Full PDB file with SEQRES, HELIX, SHEET, SSBOND, CRYST1, ORIGX, SCALE, CONECT and MASTER records, all heavy atoms in Angstrom:
SEQRES   1 A   36  ALA ARG VAL THR SER GLU LEU ARG VAL ALA GLY ASP VAL          
SEQRES   2 A   36  ILE SER ALA LEU PRO GLU ARG LEU ARG HIS ALA GLN LYS          
SEQRES   3 A   36  LEU PHE GLU GLN THR GLY GLY LEU HIS ALA                      
HELIX    1 AA1 GLY A   11  HIS A   23  1                                  13    
HELIX    2 AA2 LYS A   26  THR A   31  1                                   6    
CRYST1    1.000    1.000    1.000  90.00  90.00  90.00 P 1           1          
ORIGX1      1.000000  0.000000  0.000000        0.00000                         
ORIGX2      0.000000  1.000000  0.000000        0.00000                         
ORIGX3      0.000000  0.000000  1.000000        0.00000                         
SCALE1      1.000000  0.000000  0.000000        0.00000                         
SCALE2      0.000000  1.000000  0.000000        0.00000                         
SCALE3      0.000000  0.000000  1.000000        0.00000                         
ATOM      1  N   ALA A   1       0.064  41.763  11.231  1.00  0.00           N  
ATOM      2  CA  ALA A   1       1.368  42.403  11.295  1.00  0.00           C  
ATOM      3  C   ALA A   1       2.286  41.898  10.184  1.00  0.00           C  
ATOM      4  O   ALA A   1       2.129  40.779   9.682  1.00  0.00           O  
ATOM      5  CB  ALA A   1       2.009  42.142  12.656  1.00  0.00           C  
ATOM      6  N   ARG A   2       3.243  42.711   9.820  1.00  0.00           N  
ATOM      7  CA  ARG A   2       4.252  42.323   8.846  1.00  0.00           C  
ATOM      8  C   ARG A   2       5.098  41.192   9.432  1.00  0.00           C  
ATOM      9  O   ARG A   2       5.487  41.214  10.604  1.00  0.00           O  
ATOM     10  CB  ARG A   2       5.130  43.534   8.519  1.00  0.00           C  
ATOM     11  CG  ARG A   2       6.177  43.278   7.440  1.00  0.00           C  
ATOM     12  CD  ARG A   2       6.968  44.564   7.203  1.00  0.00           C  
ATOM     13  NE  ARG A   2       8.039  44.373   6.251  1.00  0.00           N  
ATOM     14  CZ  ARG A   2       7.907  44.483   4.942  1.00  0.00           C  
ATOM     15  NH1 ARG A   2       6.730  44.794   4.429  1.00  0.00           N  
ATOM     16  NH2 ARG A   2       8.928  44.291   4.133  1.00  0.00           N  
ATOM     17  N   VAL A   3       5.387  40.185   8.622  1.00  0.00           N  
ATOM     18  CA  VAL A   3       6.146  39.016   9.067  1.00  0.00           C  
ATOM     19  C   VAL A   3       7.625  39.373   9.163  1.00  0.00           C  
ATOM     20  O   VAL A   3       8.218  39.900   8.212  1.00  0.00           O  
ATOM     21  CB  VAL A   3       5.959  37.833   8.101  1.00  0.00           C  
ATOM     22  CG1 VAL A   3       6.845  36.657   8.511  1.00  0.00           C  
ATOM     23  CG2 VAL A   3       4.490  37.411   8.068  1.00  0.00           C  
ATOM     24  N   THR A   4       8.223  39.078  10.293  1.00  0.00           N  
ATOM     25  CA  THR A   4       9.657  39.262  10.485  1.00  0.00           C  
ATOM     26  C   THR A   4      10.269  37.915  10.864  1.00  0.00           C  
ATOM     27  O   THR A   4       9.744  37.227  11.741  1.00  0.00           O  
ATOM     28  CB  THR A   4       9.960  40.293  11.570  1.00  0.00           C  
ATOM     29  OG1 THR A   4       9.340  39.893  12.790  1.00  0.00           O  
ATOM     30  CG2 THR A   4       9.430  41.664  11.168  1.00  0.00           C  
ATOM     31  N   SER A   5      11.353  37.549  10.208  1.00  0.00           N  
ATOM     32  CA  SER A   5      11.978  36.261  10.476  1.00  0.00           C  
ATOM     33  C   SER A   5      13.395  36.270   9.931  1.00  0.00           C  
ATOM     34  O   SER A   5      13.682  36.875   8.888  1.00  0.00           O  
ATOM     35  CB  SER A   5      11.176  35.128   9.824  1.00  0.00           C  
ATOM     36  OG  SER A   5      11.871  33.905   9.902  1.00  0.00           O  
ATOM     37  N   GLU A   6      14.284  35.567  10.626  1.00  0.00           N  
ATOM     38  CA  GLU A   6      15.670  35.413  10.176  1.00  0.00           C  
ATOM     39  C   GLU A   6      15.849  34.136   9.363  1.00  0.00           C  
ATOM     40  O   GLU A   6      16.975  33.753   9.061  1.00  0.00           O  
ATOM     41  CB  GLU A   6      16.612  35.392  11.385  1.00  0.00           C  
ATOM     42  CG  GLU A   6      16.586  36.663  12.238  1.00  0.00           C  
ATOM     43  CD  GLU A   6      16.992  37.887  11.434  1.00  0.00           C  
ATOM     44  OE1 GLU A   6      17.931  37.769  10.613  1.00  0.00           O  
ATOM     45  OE2 GLU A   6      16.361  38.943  11.625  1.00  0.00           O  
ATOM     46  N   LEU A   7      14.762  33.478   9.014  1.00  0.00           N  
ATOM     47  CA  LEU A   7      14.831  32.206   8.293  1.00  0.00           C  
ATOM     48  C   LEU A   7      15.531  32.363   6.944  1.00  0.00           C  
ATOM     49  O   LEU A   7      15.280  33.324   6.209  1.00  0.00           O  
ATOM     50  CB  LEU A   7      13.423  31.666   8.065  1.00  0.00           C  
ATOM     51  CG  LEU A   7      13.327  30.311   7.346  1.00  0.00           C  
ATOM     52  CD1 LEU A   7      13.800  29.188   8.254  1.00  0.00           C  
ATOM     53  CD2 LEU A   7      11.899  30.053   6.877  1.00  0.00           C  
ATOM     54  N   ARG A   8      16.407  31.426   6.637  1.00  0.00           N  
ATOM     55  CA  ARG A   8      17.045  31.338   5.322  1.00  0.00           C  
ATOM     56  C   ARG A   8      16.905  29.916   4.814  1.00  0.00           C  
ATOM     57  O   ARG A   8      17.083  28.956   5.571  1.00  0.00           O  
ATOM     58  CB  ARG A   8      18.529  31.728   5.401  1.00  0.00           C  
ATOM     59  CG  ARG A   8      18.785  33.163   5.836  1.00  0.00           C  
ATOM     60  CD  ARG A   8      18.293  34.151   4.787  1.00  0.00           C  
ATOM     61  NE  ARG A   8      18.591  35.539   5.165  1.00  0.00           N  
ATOM     62  CZ  ARG A   8      17.784  36.308   5.860  1.00  0.00           C  
ATOM     63  NH1 ARG A   8      16.638  35.816   6.309  1.00  0.00           N  
ATOM     64  NH2 ARG A   8      18.103  37.564   6.146  1.00  0.00           N  
ATOM     65  N   VAL A   9      16.570  29.784   3.527  1.00  0.00           N  
ATOM     66  CA  VAL A   9      16.326  28.463   2.930  1.00  0.00           C  
ATOM     67  C   VAL A   9      17.113  28.348   1.634  1.00  0.00           C  
ATOM     68  O   VAL A   9      17.107  29.270   0.807  1.00  0.00           O  
ATOM     69  CB  VAL A   9      14.830  28.251   2.639  1.00  0.00           C  
ATOM     70  CG1 VAL A   9      14.580  26.831   2.144  1.00  0.00           C  
ATOM     71  CG2 VAL A   9      13.986  28.532   3.864  1.00  0.00           C  
ATOM     72  N   ALA A  10      17.780  27.230   1.446  1.00  0.00           N  
ATOM     73  CA  ALA A  10      18.534  26.993   0.215  1.00  0.00           C  
ATOM     74  C   ALA A  10      17.578  26.744  -0.948  1.00  0.00           C  
ATOM     75  O   ALA A  10      16.531  26.097  -0.788  1.00  0.00           O  
ATOM     76  CB  ALA A  10      19.467  25.799   0.388  1.00  0.00           C  
ATOM     77  N   GLY A  11      17.949  27.242  -2.109  1.00  0.00           N  
ATOM     78  CA  GLY A  11      17.109  27.066  -3.289  1.00  0.00           C  
ATOM     79  C   GLY A  11      16.872  25.614  -3.650  1.00  0.00           C  
ATOM     80  O   GLY A  11      15.771  25.241  -4.082  1.00  0.00           O  
ATOM     81  N   ASP A  12      17.873  24.757  -3.454  1.00  0.00           N  
ATOM     82  CA  ASP A  12      17.678  23.344  -3.796  1.00  0.00           C  
ATOM     83  C   ASP A  12      16.737  22.655  -2.811  1.00  0.00           C  
ATOM     84  O   ASP A  12      16.087  21.660  -3.166  1.00  0.00           O  
ATOM     85  CB  ASP A  12      19.023  22.611  -3.874  1.00  0.00           C  
ATOM     86  CG  ASP A  12      19.836  22.717  -2.591  1.00  0.00           C  
ATOM     87  OD1 ASP A  12      19.432  23.459  -1.684  1.00  0.00           O  
ATOM     88  OD2 ASP A  12      20.885  22.045  -2.502  1.00  0.00           O  
ATOM     89  N   VAL A  13      16.642  23.171  -1.588  1.00  0.00           N  
ATOM     90  CA  VAL A  13      15.659  22.637  -0.634  1.00  0.00           C  
ATOM     91  C   VAL A  13      14.250  22.962  -1.111  1.00  0.00           C  
ATOM     92  O   VAL A  13      13.361  22.098  -1.112  1.00  0.00           O  
ATOM     93  CB  VAL A  13      15.904  23.207   0.774  1.00  0.00           C  
ATOM     94  CG1 VAL A  13      14.724  22.870   1.702  1.00  0.00           C  
ATOM     95  CG2 VAL A  13      17.194  22.669   1.355  1.00  0.00           C  
ATOM     96  N   ILE A  14      14.042  24.213  -1.541  1.00  0.00           N  
ATOM     97  CA  ILE A  14      12.730  24.604  -2.074  1.00  0.00           C  
ATOM     98  C   ILE A  14      12.351  23.739  -3.271  1.00  0.00           C  
ATOM     99  O   ILE A  14      11.215  23.266  -3.389  1.00  0.00           O  
ATOM    100  CB  ILE A  14      12.717  26.092  -2.474  1.00  0.00           C  
ATOM    101  CG1 ILE A  14      12.974  26.999  -1.259  1.00  0.00           C  
ATOM    102  CG2 ILE A  14      11.392  26.459  -3.148  1.00  0.00           C  
ATOM    103  CD1 ILE A  14      11.880  26.981  -0.233  1.00  0.00           C  
ATOM    104  N   SER A  15      13.301  23.513  -4.164  1.00  0.00           N  
ATOM    105  CA  SER A  15      13.028  22.724  -5.368  1.00  0.00           C  
ATOM    106  C   SER A  15      12.599  21.300  -5.050  1.00  0.00           C  
ATOM    107  O   SER A  15      11.881  20.664  -5.830  1.00  0.00           O  
ATOM    108  CB  SER A  15      14.273  22.695  -6.261  1.00  0.00           C  
ATOM    109  OG  SER A  15      14.584  23.988  -6.734  1.00  0.00           O  
ATOM    110  N   ALA A  16      13.035  20.769  -3.911  1.00  0.00           N  
ATOM    111  CA  ALA A  16      12.711  19.392  -3.533  1.00  0.00           C  
ATOM    112  C   ALA A  16      11.357  19.263  -2.840  1.00  0.00           C  
ATOM    113  O   ALA A  16      10.855  18.144  -2.671  1.00  0.00           O  
ATOM    114  CB  ALA A  16      13.808  18.831  -2.625  1.00  0.00           C  
ATOM    115  N   LEU A  17      10.753  20.376  -2.436  1.00  0.00           N  
ATOM    116  CA  LEU A  17       9.528  20.314  -1.641  1.00  0.00           C  
ATOM    117  C   LEU A  17       8.318  19.738  -2.379  1.00  0.00           C  
ATOM    118  O   LEU A  17       7.535  18.993  -1.774  1.00  0.00           O  
ATOM    119  CB  LEU A  17       9.190  21.694  -1.079  1.00  0.00           C  
ATOM    120  CG  LEU A  17      10.188  22.279  -0.081  1.00  0.00           C  
ATOM    121  CD1 LEU A  17       9.647  23.583   0.510  1.00  0.00           C  
ATOM    122  CD2 LEU A  17      10.506  21.283   1.032  1.00  0.00           C  
ATOM    123  N   PRO A  18       8.087  20.064  -3.675  1.00  0.00           N  
ATOM    124  CA  PRO A  18       6.910  19.486  -4.339  1.00  0.00           C  
ATOM    125  C   PRO A  18       6.886  17.959  -4.312  1.00  0.00           C  
ATOM    126  O   PRO A  18       5.833  17.358  -4.063  1.00  0.00           O  
ATOM    127  CB  PRO A  18       7.018  20.016  -5.772  1.00  0.00           C  
ATOM    128  CG  PRO A  18       7.762  21.296  -5.643  1.00  0.00           C  
ATOM    129  CD  PRO A  18       8.766  21.033  -4.554  1.00  0.00           C  
ATOM    130  N   GLU A  19       8.019  17.329  -4.548  1.00  0.00           N  
ATOM    131  CA  GLU A  19       8.067  15.869  -4.522  1.00  0.00           C  
ATOM    132  C   GLU A  19       7.803  15.343  -3.108  1.00  0.00           C  
ATOM    133  O   GLU A  19       7.097  14.334  -2.931  1.00  0.00           O  
ATOM    134  CB  GLU A  19       9.422  15.377  -5.014  1.00  0.00           C  
ATOM    135  CG  GLU A  19       9.534  13.858  -5.055  1.00  0.00           C  
ATOM    136  CD  GLU A  19      10.869  13.383  -5.580  1.00  0.00           C  
ATOM    137  OE1 GLU A  19      11.669  14.237  -6.028  1.00  0.00           O  
ATOM    138  OE2 GLU A  19      11.127  12.167  -5.542  1.00  0.00           O  
ATOM    139  N   ARG A  20       8.344  16.013  -2.108  1.00  0.00           N  
ATOM    140  CA  ARG A  20       8.117  15.575  -0.729  1.00  0.00           C  
ATOM    141  C   ARG A  20       6.663  15.783  -0.320  1.00  0.00           C  
ATOM    142  O   ARG A  20       6.096  14.967   0.420  1.00  0.00           O  
ATOM    143  CB  ARG A  20       9.062  16.322   0.210  1.00  0.00           C  
ATOM    144  CG  ARG A  20      10.522  15.984  -0.041  1.00  0.00           C  
ATOM    145  CD  ARG A  20      11.484  16.778   0.807  1.00  0.00           C  
ATOM    146  NE  ARG A  20      12.857  16.479   0.443  1.00  0.00           N  
ATOM    147  CZ  ARG A  20      13.915  17.050   0.986  1.00  0.00           C  
ATOM    148  NH1 ARG A  20      13.774  17.950   1.940  1.00  0.00           N  
ATOM    149  NH2 ARG A  20      15.138  16.720   0.574  1.00  0.00           N  
ATOM    150  N   LEU A  21       6.066  16.863  -0.802  1.00  0.00           N  
ATOM    151  CA  LEU A  21       4.659  17.104  -0.525  1.00  0.00           C  
ATOM    152  C   LEU A  21       3.800  16.041  -1.198  1.00  0.00           C  
ATOM    153  O   LEU A  21       2.902  15.463  -0.573  1.00  0.00           O  
ATOM    154  CB  LEU A  21       4.260  18.499  -1.031  1.00  0.00           C  
ATOM    155  CG  LEU A  21       2.805  18.919  -0.794  1.00  0.00           C  
ATOM    156  CD1 LEU A  21       2.510  19.062   0.691  1.00  0.00           C  
ATOM    157  CD2 LEU A  21       2.508  20.229  -1.527  1.00  0.00           C  
ATOM    158  N   ARG A  22       4.078  15.772  -2.447  1.00  0.00           N  
ATOM    159  CA  ARG A  22       3.305  14.767  -3.198  1.00  0.00           C  
ATOM    160  C   ARG A  22       3.441  13.383  -2.563  1.00  0.00           C  
ATOM    161  O   ARG A  22       2.470  12.621  -2.488  1.00  0.00           O  
ATOM    162  CB  ARG A  22       3.795  14.737  -4.648  1.00  0.00           C  
ATOM    163  CG  ARG A  22       3.104  13.699  -5.527  1.00  0.00           C  
ATOM    164  CD  ARG A  22       1.644  14.025  -5.755  1.00  0.00           C  
ATOM    165  NE  ARG A  22       1.015  13.048  -6.625  1.00  0.00           N  
ATOM    166  CZ  ARG A  22       0.989  13.155  -7.949  1.00  0.00           C  
ATOM    167  NH1 ARG A  22       1.536  14.210  -8.540  1.00  0.00           N  
ATOM    168  NH2 ARG A  22       0.403  12.232  -8.679  1.00  0.00           N  
ATOM    169  N   HIS A  23       4.612  13.059  -2.079  1.00  0.00           N  
ATOM    170  CA  HIS A  23       4.847  11.754  -1.456  1.00  0.00           C  
ATOM    171  C   HIS A  23       3.984  11.581  -0.201  1.00  0.00           C  
ATOM    172  O   HIS A  23       3.595  10.456   0.141  1.00  0.00           O  
ATOM    173  CB  HIS A  23       6.321  11.600  -1.088  1.00  0.00           C  
ATOM    174  CG  HIS A  23       6.662  10.272  -0.490  1.00  0.00           C  
ATOM    175  ND1 HIS A  23       6.688   9.097  -1.223  1.00  0.00           N  
ATOM    176  CD2 HIS A  23       6.976   9.919   0.791  1.00  0.00           C  
ATOM    177  CE1 HIS A  23       7.014   8.089  -0.423  1.00  0.00           C  
ATOM    178  NE2 HIS A  23       7.189   8.565   0.805  1.00  0.00           N  
ATOM    179  N   ALA A  24       3.676  12.710   0.466  1.00  0.00           N  
ATOM    180  CA  ALA A  24       2.879  12.642   1.697  1.00  0.00           C  
ATOM    181  C   ALA A  24       1.375  12.734   1.436  1.00  0.00           C  
ATOM    182  O   ALA A  24       0.588  12.623   2.371  1.00  0.00           O  
ATOM    183  CB  ALA A  24       3.311  13.766   2.638  1.00  0.00           C  
ATOM    184  N   GLN A  25       0.976  12.914   0.184  1.00  0.00           N  
ATOM    185  CA  GLN A  25      -0.446  13.055  -0.158  1.00  0.00           C  
ATOM    186  C   GLN A  25      -1.082  11.682  -0.347  1.00  0.00           C  
ATOM    187  O   GLN A  25      -1.291  11.221  -1.467  1.00  0.00           O  
ATOM    188  CB  GLN A  25      -0.608  13.900  -1.424  1.00  0.00           C  
ATOM    189  CG  GLN A  25      -0.272  15.368  -1.240  1.00  0.00           C  
ATOM    190  CD  GLN A  25      -0.493  16.162  -2.517  1.00  0.00           C  
ATOM    191  OE1 GLN A  25       0.452  16.601  -3.162  1.00  0.00           O  
ATOM    192  NE2 GLN A  25      -1.754  16.340  -2.889  1.00  0.00           N  
ATOM    193  N   LYS A  26      -1.444  11.054   0.737  1.00  0.00           N  
ATOM    194  CA  LYS A  26      -1.999   9.706   0.677  1.00  0.00           C  
ATOM    195  C   LYS A  26      -3.362   9.681  -0.001  1.00  0.00           C  
ATOM    196  O   LYS A  26      -3.661   8.781  -0.783  1.00  0.00           O  
ATOM    197  CB  LYS A  26      -2.100   9.119   2.088  1.00  0.00           C  
ATOM    198  CG  LYS A  26      -0.784   9.131   2.864  1.00  0.00           C  
ATOM    199  CD  LYS A  26       0.305   8.363   2.139  1.00  0.00           C  
ATOM    200  CE  LYS A  26       1.597   8.353   2.955  1.00  0.00           C  
ATOM    201  NZ  LYS A  26       2.707   7.682   2.231  1.00  0.00           N  
ATOM    202  N   LEU A  27      -4.216  10.648   0.314  1.00  0.00           N  
ATOM    203  CA  LEU A  27      -5.549  10.667  -0.288  1.00  0.00           C  
ATOM    204  C   LEU A  27      -5.502  11.047  -1.757  1.00  0.00           C  
ATOM    205  O   LEU A  27      -6.308  10.567  -2.555  1.00  0.00           O  
ATOM    206  CB  LEU A  27      -6.456  11.635   0.477  1.00  0.00           C  
ATOM    207  CG  LEU A  27      -6.773  11.249   1.923  1.00  0.00           C  
ATOM    208  CD1 LEU A  27      -7.633  12.309   2.583  1.00  0.00           C  
ATOM    209  CD2 LEU A  27      -7.464   9.895   1.970  1.00  0.00           C  
ATOM    210  N   PHE A  28      -4.558  11.907  -2.140  1.00  0.00           N  
ATOM    211  CA  PHE A  28      -4.423  12.269  -3.550  1.00  0.00           C  
ATOM    212  C   PHE A  28      -4.063  11.045  -4.378  1.00  0.00           C  
ATOM    213  O   PHE A  28      -4.541  10.875  -5.504  1.00  0.00           O  
ATOM    214  CB  PHE A  28      -3.353  13.353  -3.719  1.00  0.00           C  
ATOM    215  CG  PHE A  28      -3.174  13.791  -5.154  1.00  0.00           C  
ATOM    216  CD1 PHE A  28      -3.966  14.787  -5.690  1.00  0.00           C  
ATOM    217  CD2 PHE A  28      -2.221  13.191  -5.972  1.00  0.00           C  
ATOM    218  CE1 PHE A  28      -3.816  15.184  -7.016  1.00  0.00           C  
ATOM    219  CE2 PHE A  28      -2.056  13.579  -7.296  1.00  0.00           C  
ATOM    220  CZ  PHE A  28      -2.861  14.583  -7.822  1.00  0.00           C  
ATOM    221  N   GLU A  29      -3.221  10.185  -3.832  1.00  0.00           N  
ATOM    222  CA  GLU A  29      -2.833   8.977  -4.555  1.00  0.00           C  
ATOM    223  C   GLU A  29      -4.046   8.098  -4.832  1.00  0.00           C  
ATOM    224  O   GLU A  29      -4.091   7.391  -5.838  1.00  0.00           O  
ATOM    225  CB  GLU A  29      -1.788   8.202  -3.745  1.00  0.00           C  
ATOM    226  CG  GLU A  29      -0.421   8.871  -3.661  1.00  0.00           C  
ATOM    227  CD  GLU A  29       0.228   9.042  -5.032  1.00  0.00           C  
ATOM    228  OE1 GLU A  29       0.071   8.136  -5.883  1.00  0.00           O  
ATOM    229  OE2 GLU A  29       0.867  10.085  -5.263  1.00  0.00           O  
ATOM    230  N   GLN A  30      -5.038   8.135  -3.942  1.00  0.00           N  
ATOM    231  CA  GLN A  30      -6.220   7.302  -4.100  1.00  0.00           C  
ATOM    232  C   GLN A  30      -7.281   7.940  -4.976  1.00  0.00           C  
ATOM    233  O   GLN A  30      -8.038   7.244  -5.653  1.00  0.00           O  
ATOM    234  CB  GLN A  30      -6.827   6.999  -2.726  1.00  0.00           C  
ATOM    235  CG  GLN A  30      -5.898   6.254  -1.784  1.00  0.00           C  
ATOM    236  CD  GLN A  30      -6.497   6.111  -0.400  1.00  0.00           C  
ATOM    237  OE1 GLN A  30      -7.712   5.977  -0.246  1.00  0.00           O  
ATOM    238  NE2 GLN A  30      -5.656   6.147   0.620  1.00  0.00           N  
ATOM    239  N   THR A  31      -7.362   9.278  -4.981  1.00  0.00           N  
ATOM    240  CA  THR A  31      -8.463   9.959  -5.652  1.00  0.00           C  
ATOM    241  C   THR A  31      -8.034  10.881  -6.791  1.00  0.00           C  
ATOM    242  O   THR A  31      -8.819  11.116  -7.715  1.00  0.00           O  
ATOM    243  CB  THR A  31      -9.255  10.802  -4.648  1.00  0.00           C  
ATOM    244  OG1 THR A  31      -8.412  11.869  -4.153  1.00  0.00           O  
ATOM    245  CG2 THR A  31      -9.718   9.952  -3.464  1.00  0.00           C  
ATOM    246  N   GLY A  32      -6.833  11.451  -6.703  1.00  0.00           N  
ATOM    247  CA  GLY A  32      -6.381  12.408  -7.713  1.00  0.00           C  
ATOM    248  C   GLY A  32      -7.140  13.725  -7.667  1.00  0.00           C  
ATOM    249  O   GLY A  32      -7.063  14.506  -8.612  1.00  0.00           O  
ATOM    250  N   GLY A  33      -7.877  13.994  -6.575  1.00  0.00           N  
ATOM    251  CA  GLY A  33      -8.740  15.165  -6.560  1.00  0.00           C  
ATOM    252  C   GLY A  33      -8.615  16.052  -5.356  1.00  0.00           C  
ATOM    253  O   GLY A  33      -9.601  16.653  -4.939  1.00  0.00           O  
ATOM    254  N   LEU A  34      -7.425  16.150  -4.765  1.00  0.00           N  
ATOM    255  CA  LEU A  34      -7.270  16.938  -3.549  1.00  0.00           C  
ATOM    256  C   LEU A  34      -6.068  17.864  -3.624  1.00  0.00           C  
ATOM    257  O   LEU A  34      -5.045  17.521  -4.208  1.00  0.00           O  
ATOM    258  CB  LEU A  34      -7.104  16.015  -2.331  1.00  0.00           C  
ATOM    259  CG  LEU A  34      -8.320  15.189  -1.924  1.00  0.00           C  
ATOM    260  CD1 LEU A  34      -7.934  14.164  -0.876  1.00  0.00           C  
ATOM    261  CD2 LEU A  34      -9.430  16.081  -1.400  1.00  0.00           C  
ATOM    262  N   HIS A  35      -6.214  19.032  -3.017  1.00  0.00           N  
ATOM    263  CA  HIS A  35      -5.091  19.936  -2.833  1.00  0.00           C  
ATOM    264  C   HIS A  35      -4.357  19.566  -1.545  1.00  0.00           C  
ATOM    265  O   HIS A  35      -4.888  18.846  -0.698  1.00  0.00           O  
ATOM    266  CB  HIS A  35      -5.573  21.383  -2.737  1.00  0.00           C  
ATOM    267  CG  HIS A  35      -6.097  21.931  -4.018  1.00  0.00           C  
ATOM    268  ND1 HIS A  35      -5.269  22.311  -5.050  1.00  0.00           N  
ATOM    269  CD2 HIS A  35      -7.370  22.151  -4.441  1.00  0.00           C  
ATOM    270  CE1 HIS A  35      -6.006  22.762  -6.056  1.00  0.00           C  
ATOM    271  NE2 HIS A  35      -7.275  22.671  -5.719  1.00  0.00           N  
ATOM    272  N   ALA A  36      -3.148  20.083  -1.403  1.00  0.00           N  
ATOM    273  CA  ALA A  36      -2.375  19.805  -0.195  1.00  0.00           C  
ATOM    274  C   ALA A  36      -1.619  21.048   0.228  1.00  0.00           C  
ATOM    275  O   ALA A  36      -1.266  21.913  -0.582  1.00  0.00           O  
ATOM    276  CB  ALA A  36      -1.396  18.663  -0.430  1.00  0.00           C  
TER     277      ALA A  36                                                      
MASTER        0    0    0    2    0    0    0    6  276    1    0    3          
END                                                                             
């Protein structure tokens, strides 16, 4: 089905997500070879 949602997200929140994702990538820090 088509996704329906009232969610709104600030652009600066989106911009901060890659760093927060990378910070949580524990196995990537050890291997450098994983997606998240």
